[in-house]
Amino acid sequence: MEPAAHIHVLDAVPHDWLFPCVSAVVHHGGSGTTHEGLRWGRPTVICPLFADQPFFGWQVAQAGAGPAPVPQKKLNADRLARALEQAHAPQIAARAAGLGQAIRTEPGAQDVAGLIDRL
């Protein structure tokens, strides 16, 4: 089945290029994708399927950077629309932006490299 004319399907796209261009991120909830969405300060809607994905969905919701996760088995257009409306609420957008700023200024990799050098 071909996607609608207004939908552009990509095999892959760099998160660090795409996420700064969007108003919210919807994804499966893997740790890397969750980090990238939050790093760029975007409200995050997680639609988990298995493994650690539900955990990250609830972590994002508890942090105030997105709505409660919407499991893929229960995902439909209405639930996704409601989650996106919640994600765009001013308090969630502001919390996501604040987390993004904190993540982008965190010198974690530098700190670890320094620790390794000292060891």
N, C-alpha and C. Protein backbone atom coordinates (compact mmCIF):
# COMPACT_ATOMS: atom_id res chain seq x y z
N MET A 1 0.83 -1.17 0.00
CA MET A 1 0.00 0.00 0.00
C MET A 1 0.88 1.25 0.00
N GLU A 2 0.65 2.14 -0.91
CA GLU A 2 1.42 3.37 -1.03
C GLU A 2 0.92 4.40 -0.01
N PRO A 3 1.84 5.16 0.60
CA PRO A 3 1.40 6.21 1.53
C PRO A 3 0.72 7.35 0.77
N ALA A 4 -0.06 8.12 1.50
CA ALA A 4 -0.73 9.29 0.90
C ALA A 4 0.31 10.25 0.34
N ALA A 5 -0.10 11.06 -0.62
CA ALA A 5 0.83 11.97 -1.30
C ALA A 5 1.51 12.93 -0.34
N HIS A 6 0.87 13.28 0.77
CA HIS A 6 1.46 14.24 1.71
C HIS A 6 2.35 13.58 2.77
N ILE A 7 2.58 12.28 2.66
CA ILE A 7 3.43 11.56 3.59
C ILE A 7 4.71 11.17 2.88
N HIS A 8 5.83 11.51 3.48
CA HIS A 8 7.13 11.17 2.91
C HIS A 8 7.78 10.09 3.77
N VAL A 9 8.01 8.94 3.21
CA VAL A 9 8.58 7.80 3.93
C VAL A 9 10.08 7.75 3.68
N LEU A 10 10.84 7.62 4.76
CA LEU A 10 12.29 7.52 4.69
C LEU A 10 12.73 6.20 5.29
N ASP A 11 13.77 5.63 4.75
CA ASP A 11 14.33 4.42 5.36
C ASP A 11 15.07 4.77 6.66
N ALA A 12 15.78 5.88 6.63
CA ALA A 12 16.53 6.31 7.81
C ALA A 12 16.78 7.81 7.69
N VAL A 13 16.88 8.45 8.83
CA VAL A 13 17.19 9.89 8.87
C VAL A 13 17.94 10.16 10.17
N PRO A 14 18.95 11.01 10.14
CA PRO A 14 19.68 11.32 11.38
C PRO A 14 18.79 12.09 12.36
N HIS A 15 18.68 11.58 13.56
CA HIS A 15 17.86 12.24 14.58
C HIS A 15 18.34 13.65 14.85
N ASP A 16 19.65 13.85 14.87
CA ASP A 16 20.17 15.19 15.20
C ASP A 16 19.89 16.20 14.09
N TRP A 17 19.52 15.75 12.93
CA TRP A 17 19.08 16.64 11.85
C TRP A 17 17.57 16.87 11.93
N LEU A 18 16.81 15.79 12.13
CA LEU A 18 15.35 15.86 12.08
C LEU A 18 14.73 16.49 13.32
N PHE A 19 15.13 16.06 14.49
CA PHE A 19 14.42 16.46 15.71
C PHE A 19 14.42 17.95 15.98
N PRO A 20 15.47 18.70 15.67
CA PRO A 20 15.38 20.14 15.86
C PRO A 20 14.35 20.82 14.94
N CYS A 21 13.90 20.12 13.91
CA CYS A 21 12.96 20.68 12.93
C CYS A 21 11.49 20.42 13.26
N VAL A 22 11.20 19.64 14.27
CA VAL A 22 9.82 19.23 14.55
C VAL A 22 9.33 19.84 15.87
N SER A 23 8.01 19.86 16.06
CA SER A 23 7.45 20.41 17.29
C SER A 23 7.26 19.34 18.37
N ALA A 24 7.26 18.07 17.99
CA ALA A 24 7.15 16.96 18.94
C ALA A 24 7.71 15.72 18.26
N VAL A 25 8.08 14.75 19.07
CA VAL A 25 8.66 13.51 18.55
C VAL A 25 7.76 12.35 18.99
N VAL A 26 7.41 11.49 18.05
CA VAL A 26 6.64 10.28 18.33
C VAL A 26 7.52 9.11 17.93
N HIS A 27 7.73 8.19 18.86
CA HIS A 27 8.60 7.05 18.54
C HIS A 27 8.34 5.89 19.49
N HIS A 28 9.10 4.82 19.30
CA HIS A 28 8.93 3.56 20.02
C HIS A 28 9.43 3.60 21.46
N GLY A 29 10.33 4.50 21.80
CA GLY A 29 10.79 4.60 23.18
C GLY A 29 12.10 3.92 23.47
N GLY A 30 12.88 3.63 22.45
CA GLY A 30 14.22 3.11 22.71
C GLY A 30 15.07 4.17 23.41
N SER A 31 16.09 3.75 24.11
CA SER A 31 16.87 4.70 24.91
C SER A 31 17.53 5.77 24.05
N GLY A 32 18.08 5.41 22.92
CA GLY A 32 18.76 6.38 22.07
C GLY A 32 17.81 7.40 21.47
N THR A 33 16.68 6.93 20.98
CA THR A 33 15.70 7.85 20.39
C THR A 33 15.09 8.74 21.46
N THR A 34 14.84 8.19 22.64
CA THR A 34 14.31 8.99 23.74
C THR A 34 15.31 10.09 24.10
N HIS A 35 16.57 9.73 24.21
CA HIS A 35 17.60 10.73 24.53
C HIS A 35 17.64 11.82 23.47
N GLU A 36 17.64 11.46 22.21
CA GLU A 36 17.73 12.46 21.15
C GLU A 36 16.53 13.39 21.14
N GLY A 37 15.33 12.86 21.32
CA GLY A 37 14.15 13.71 21.35
C GLY A 37 14.22 14.70 22.49
N LEU A 38 14.62 14.23 23.66
CA LEU A 38 14.72 15.11 24.81
C LEU A 38 15.91 16.06 24.68
N ARG A 39 17.00 15.59 24.10
CA ARG A 39 18.18 16.45 23.93
C ARG A 39 17.82 17.70 23.14
N TRP A 40 16.95 17.55 22.17
CA TRP A 40 16.57 18.69 21.35
C TRP A 40 15.36 19.43 21.92
N GLY A 41 14.96 19.06 23.14
CA GLY A 41 13.92 19.81 23.85
C GLY A 41 12.54 19.64 23.27
N ARG A 42 12.27 18.50 22.68
CA ARG A 42 10.97 18.29 22.06
C ARG A 42 10.06 17.44 22.94
N PRO A 43 8.80 17.86 23.08
CA PRO A 43 7.85 16.99 23.77
C PRO A 43 7.85 15.63 23.08
N THR A 44 7.73 14.59 23.88
CA THR A 44 7.93 13.24 23.37
C THR A 44 6.73 12.35 23.66
N VAL A 45 6.21 11.74 22.60
CA VAL A 45 5.13 10.76 22.71
C VAL A 45 5.75 9.40 22.43
N ILE A 46 5.72 8.54 23.41
CA ILE A 46 6.31 7.22 23.24
C ILE A 46 5.21 6.18 23.07
N CYS A 47 5.36 5.37 22.03
CA CYS A 47 4.44 4.28 21.70
C CYS A 47 5.23 2.97 21.80
N PRO A 48 5.39 2.46 23.02
CA PRO A 48 6.27 1.32 23.23
C PRO A 48 5.69 0.01 22.70
N LEU A 49 6.61 -0.88 22.37
CA LEU A 49 6.24 -2.21 21.91
C LEU A 49 6.71 -3.28 22.90
N PHE A 50 7.97 -3.21 23.35
CA PHE A 50 8.49 -4.25 24.24
C PHE A 50 9.76 -3.76 24.95
N ALA A 51 10.33 -4.64 25.75
CA ALA A 51 11.60 -4.45 26.45
C ALA A 51 11.56 -3.21 27.34
N ASP A 52 12.57 -2.33 27.20
CA ASP A 52 12.67 -1.15 28.07
C ASP A 52 11.83 0.03 27.59
N GLN A 53 11.16 -0.11 26.47
CA GLN A 53 10.41 1.00 25.89
C GLN A 53 9.29 1.51 26.81
N PRO A 54 8.48 0.66 27.44
CA PRO A 54 7.47 1.18 28.38
C PRO A 54 8.11 1.96 29.54
N PHE A 55 9.24 1.48 30.02
CA PHE A 55 9.94 2.18 31.10
C PHE A 55 10.28 3.60 30.68
N PHE A 56 10.88 3.76 29.51
CA PHE A 56 11.25 5.10 29.05
C PHE A 56 10.01 5.96 28.80
N GLY A 57 8.93 5.35 28.34
CA GLY A 57 7.69 6.09 28.17
C GLY A 57 7.20 6.69 29.48
N TRP A 58 7.23 5.88 30.53
CA TRP A 58 6.78 6.38 31.83
C TRP A 58 7.77 7.37 32.43
N GLN A 59 9.05 7.21 32.17
CA GLN A 59 10.04 8.17 32.65
C GLN A 59 9.80 9.54 32.03
N VAL A 60 9.53 9.57 30.73
CA VAL A 60 9.25 10.84 30.04
C VAL A 60 7.99 11.47 30.62
N ALA A 61 6.95 10.67 30.83
CA ALA A 61 5.70 11.20 31.38
C ALA A 61 5.93 11.73 32.79
N GLN A 62 6.64 11.00 33.62
CA GLN A 62 6.89 11.44 35.00
C GLN A 62 7.75 12.69 35.04
N ALA A 63 8.63 12.85 34.05
CA ALA A 63 9.45 14.05 33.98
C ALA A 63 8.67 15.25 33.47
N GLY A 64 7.44 15.01 32.98
CA GLY A 64 6.61 16.10 32.48
C GLY A 64 6.94 16.52 31.07
N ALA A 65 7.71 15.71 30.34
CA ALA A 65 8.13 16.06 28.98
C ALA A 65 7.28 15.39 27.91
N GLY A 66 6.24 14.71 28.31
CA GLY A 66 5.34 14.06 27.36
C GLY A 66 4.18 13.42 28.09
N PRO A 67 3.18 12.99 27.35
CA PRO A 67 2.03 12.33 27.96
C PRO A 67 2.37 10.89 28.35
N ALA A 68 1.43 10.23 28.99
CA ALA A 68 1.59 8.80 29.29
C ALA A 68 1.83 8.05 27.98
N PRO A 69 2.63 7.00 28.03
CA PRO A 69 2.88 6.25 26.80
C PRO A 69 1.60 5.64 26.23
N VAL A 70 1.60 5.47 24.92
CA VAL A 70 0.48 4.84 24.21
C VAL A 70 1.02 3.54 23.61
N PRO A 71 0.76 2.40 24.25
CA PRO A 71 1.28 1.13 23.72
C PRO A 71 0.87 0.92 22.26
N GLN A 72 1.79 0.40 21.47
CA GLN A 72 1.50 0.20 20.06
C GLN A 72 0.30 -0.70 19.83
N LYS A 73 0.07 -1.66 20.71
CA LYS A 73 -1.09 -2.54 20.55
C LYS A 73 -2.41 -1.80 20.73
N LYS A 74 -2.38 -0.63 21.37
CA LYS A 74 -3.60 0.16 21.58
C LYS A 74 -3.59 1.44 20.74
N LEU A 75 -2.58 1.60 19.90
CA LEU A 75 -2.42 2.82 19.12
C LEU A 75 -3.45 2.90 18.00
N ASN A 76 -4.12 4.03 17.93
CA ASN A 76 -5.02 4.33 16.81
C ASN A 76 -4.96 5.85 16.60
N ALA A 77 -5.65 6.33 15.58
CA ALA A 77 -5.57 7.75 15.24
C ALA A 77 -6.06 8.64 16.37
N ASP A 78 -7.15 8.26 17.03
CA ASP A 78 -7.69 9.08 18.11
C ASP A 78 -6.72 9.16 19.29
N ARG A 79 -6.16 8.03 19.69
CA ARG A 79 -5.22 8.03 20.82
C ARG A 79 -3.96 8.83 20.49
N LEU A 80 -3.48 8.68 19.26
CA LEU A 80 -2.30 9.44 18.85
C LEU A 80 -2.61 10.93 18.83
N ALA A 81 -3.76 11.31 18.31
CA ALA A 81 -4.14 12.73 18.27
C ALA A 81 -4.23 13.31 19.69
N ARG A 82 -4.82 12.56 20.62
CA ARG A 82 -4.92 13.03 22.01
C ARG A 82 -3.53 13.18 22.64
N ALA A 83 -2.67 12.21 22.38
CA ALA A 83 -1.31 12.28 22.93
C ALA A 83 -0.56 13.48 22.36
N LEU A 84 -0.73 13.75 21.08
CA LEU A 84 -0.06 14.90 20.49
C LEU A 84 -0.62 16.22 21.04
N GLU A 85 -1.91 16.28 21.26
CA GLU A 85 -2.49 17.48 21.88
C GLU A 85 -1.90 17.69 23.27
N GLN A 86 -1.79 16.63 24.04
CA GLN A 86 -1.19 16.74 25.37
C GLN A 86 0.27 17.16 25.27
N ALA A 87 0.99 16.59 24.32
CA ALA A 87 2.42 16.91 24.16
C ALA A 87 2.64 18.38 23.85
N HIS A 88 1.68 18.99 23.17
CA HIS A 88 1.82 20.40 22.80
C HIS A 88 1.28 21.37 23.86
N ALA A 89 0.82 20.83 24.98
CA ALA A 89 0.38 21.71 26.08
C ALA A 89 1.58 22.55 26.53
N PRO A 90 1.34 23.82 26.85
CA PRO A 90 2.46 24.71 27.19
C PRO A 90 3.37 24.18 28.30
N GLN A 91 2.80 23.57 29.34
CA GLN A 91 3.64 23.10 30.44
C GLN A 91 4.52 21.92 30.02
N ILE A 92 4.02 21.06 29.16
CA ILE A 92 4.83 19.93 28.68
C ILE A 92 5.90 20.43 27.73
N ALA A 93 5.55 21.33 26.82
CA ALA A 93 6.54 21.89 25.90
C ALA A 93 7.65 22.61 26.66
N ALA A 94 7.28 23.36 27.69
CA ALA A 94 8.27 24.08 28.49
C ALA A 94 9.17 23.11 29.26
N ARG A 95 8.59 22.06 29.81
CA ARG A 95 9.39 21.08 30.56
C ARG A 95 10.36 20.36 29.62
N ALA A 96 9.89 19.99 28.43
CA ALA A 96 10.77 19.34 27.45
C ALA A 96 11.91 20.28 27.04
N ALA A 97 11.59 21.54 26.81
CA ALA A 97 12.62 22.51 26.44
C ALA A 97 13.66 22.65 27.55
N GLY A 98 13.20 22.70 28.79
CA GLY A 98 14.12 22.79 29.92
C GLY A 98 15.02 21.57 30.05
N LEU A 99 14.44 20.40 29.87
CA LEU A 99 15.26 19.17 29.91
C LEU A 99 16.28 19.17 28.78
N GLY A 100 15.86 19.62 27.61
CA GLY A 100 16.78 19.68 26.48
C GLY A 100 17.97 20.57 26.77
N GLN A 101 17.70 21.73 27.35
CA GLN A 101 18.79 22.64 27.70
C GLN A 101 19.74 21.99 28.70
N ALA A 102 19.19 21.31 29.69
CA ALA A 102 20.02 20.64 30.69
C ALA A 102 20.85 19.53 30.06
N ILE A 103 20.26 18.75 29.18
CA ILE A 103 20.99 17.65 28.54
C ILE A 103 22.10 18.19 27.65
N ARG A 104 21.80 19.24 26.88
CA ARG A 104 22.80 19.78 25.95
C ARG A 104 23.99 20.41 26.68
N THR A 105 23.78 20.87 27.90
CA THR A 105 24.89 21.50 28.63
C THR A 105 25.58 20.53 29.59
N GLU A 106 25.09 19.33 29.70
CA GLU A 106 25.68 18.33 30.60
C GLU A 106 26.98 17.81 29.98
N PRO A 107 28.10 17.94 30.68
CA PRO A 107 29.37 17.49 30.12
C PRO A 107 29.66 16.01 30.43
N GLY A 108 28.65 15.17 30.33
CA GLY A 108 28.80 13.76 30.73
C GLY A 108 29.91 13.03 30.01
N ALA A 109 29.99 13.14 28.68
CA ALA A 109 31.03 12.43 27.93
C ALA A 109 32.41 12.94 28.32
N GLN A 110 32.53 14.25 28.51
CA GLN A 110 33.81 14.82 28.94
C GLN A 110 34.19 14.30 30.31
N ASP A 111 33.23 14.26 31.21
CA ASP A 111 33.50 13.78 32.57
C ASP A 111 33.96 12.33 32.56
N VAL A 112 33.30 11.50 31.77
CA VAL A 112 33.68 10.09 31.68
C VAL A 112 35.07 9.95 31.07
N ALA A 113 35.37 10.70 30.01
CA ALA A 113 36.68 10.64 29.39
C ALA A 113 37.76 11.03 30.40
N GLY A 114 37.48 12.07 31.19
CA GLY A 114 38.44 12.49 32.21
C GLY A 114 38.65 11.42 33.26
N LEU A 115 37.58 10.76 33.66
CA LEU A 115 37.66 9.68 34.63
C LEU A 115 38.50 8.53 34.08
N ILE A 116 38.26 8.17 32.83
CA ILE A 116 39.04 7.09 32.21
C ILE A 116 40.50 7.46 32.14
N ASP A 117 40.79 8.71 31.76
CA ASP A 117 42.18 9.15 31.71
C ASP A 117 42.84 9.06 33.10
N ARG A 118 42.10 9.43 34.13
CA ARG A 118 42.67 9.37 35.49
C ARG A 118 42.90 7.93 35.94
N LEU A 119 42.07 7.01 35.48
CA LEU A 119 42.24 5.61 35.88
C LEU A 119 43.42 5.00 35.17
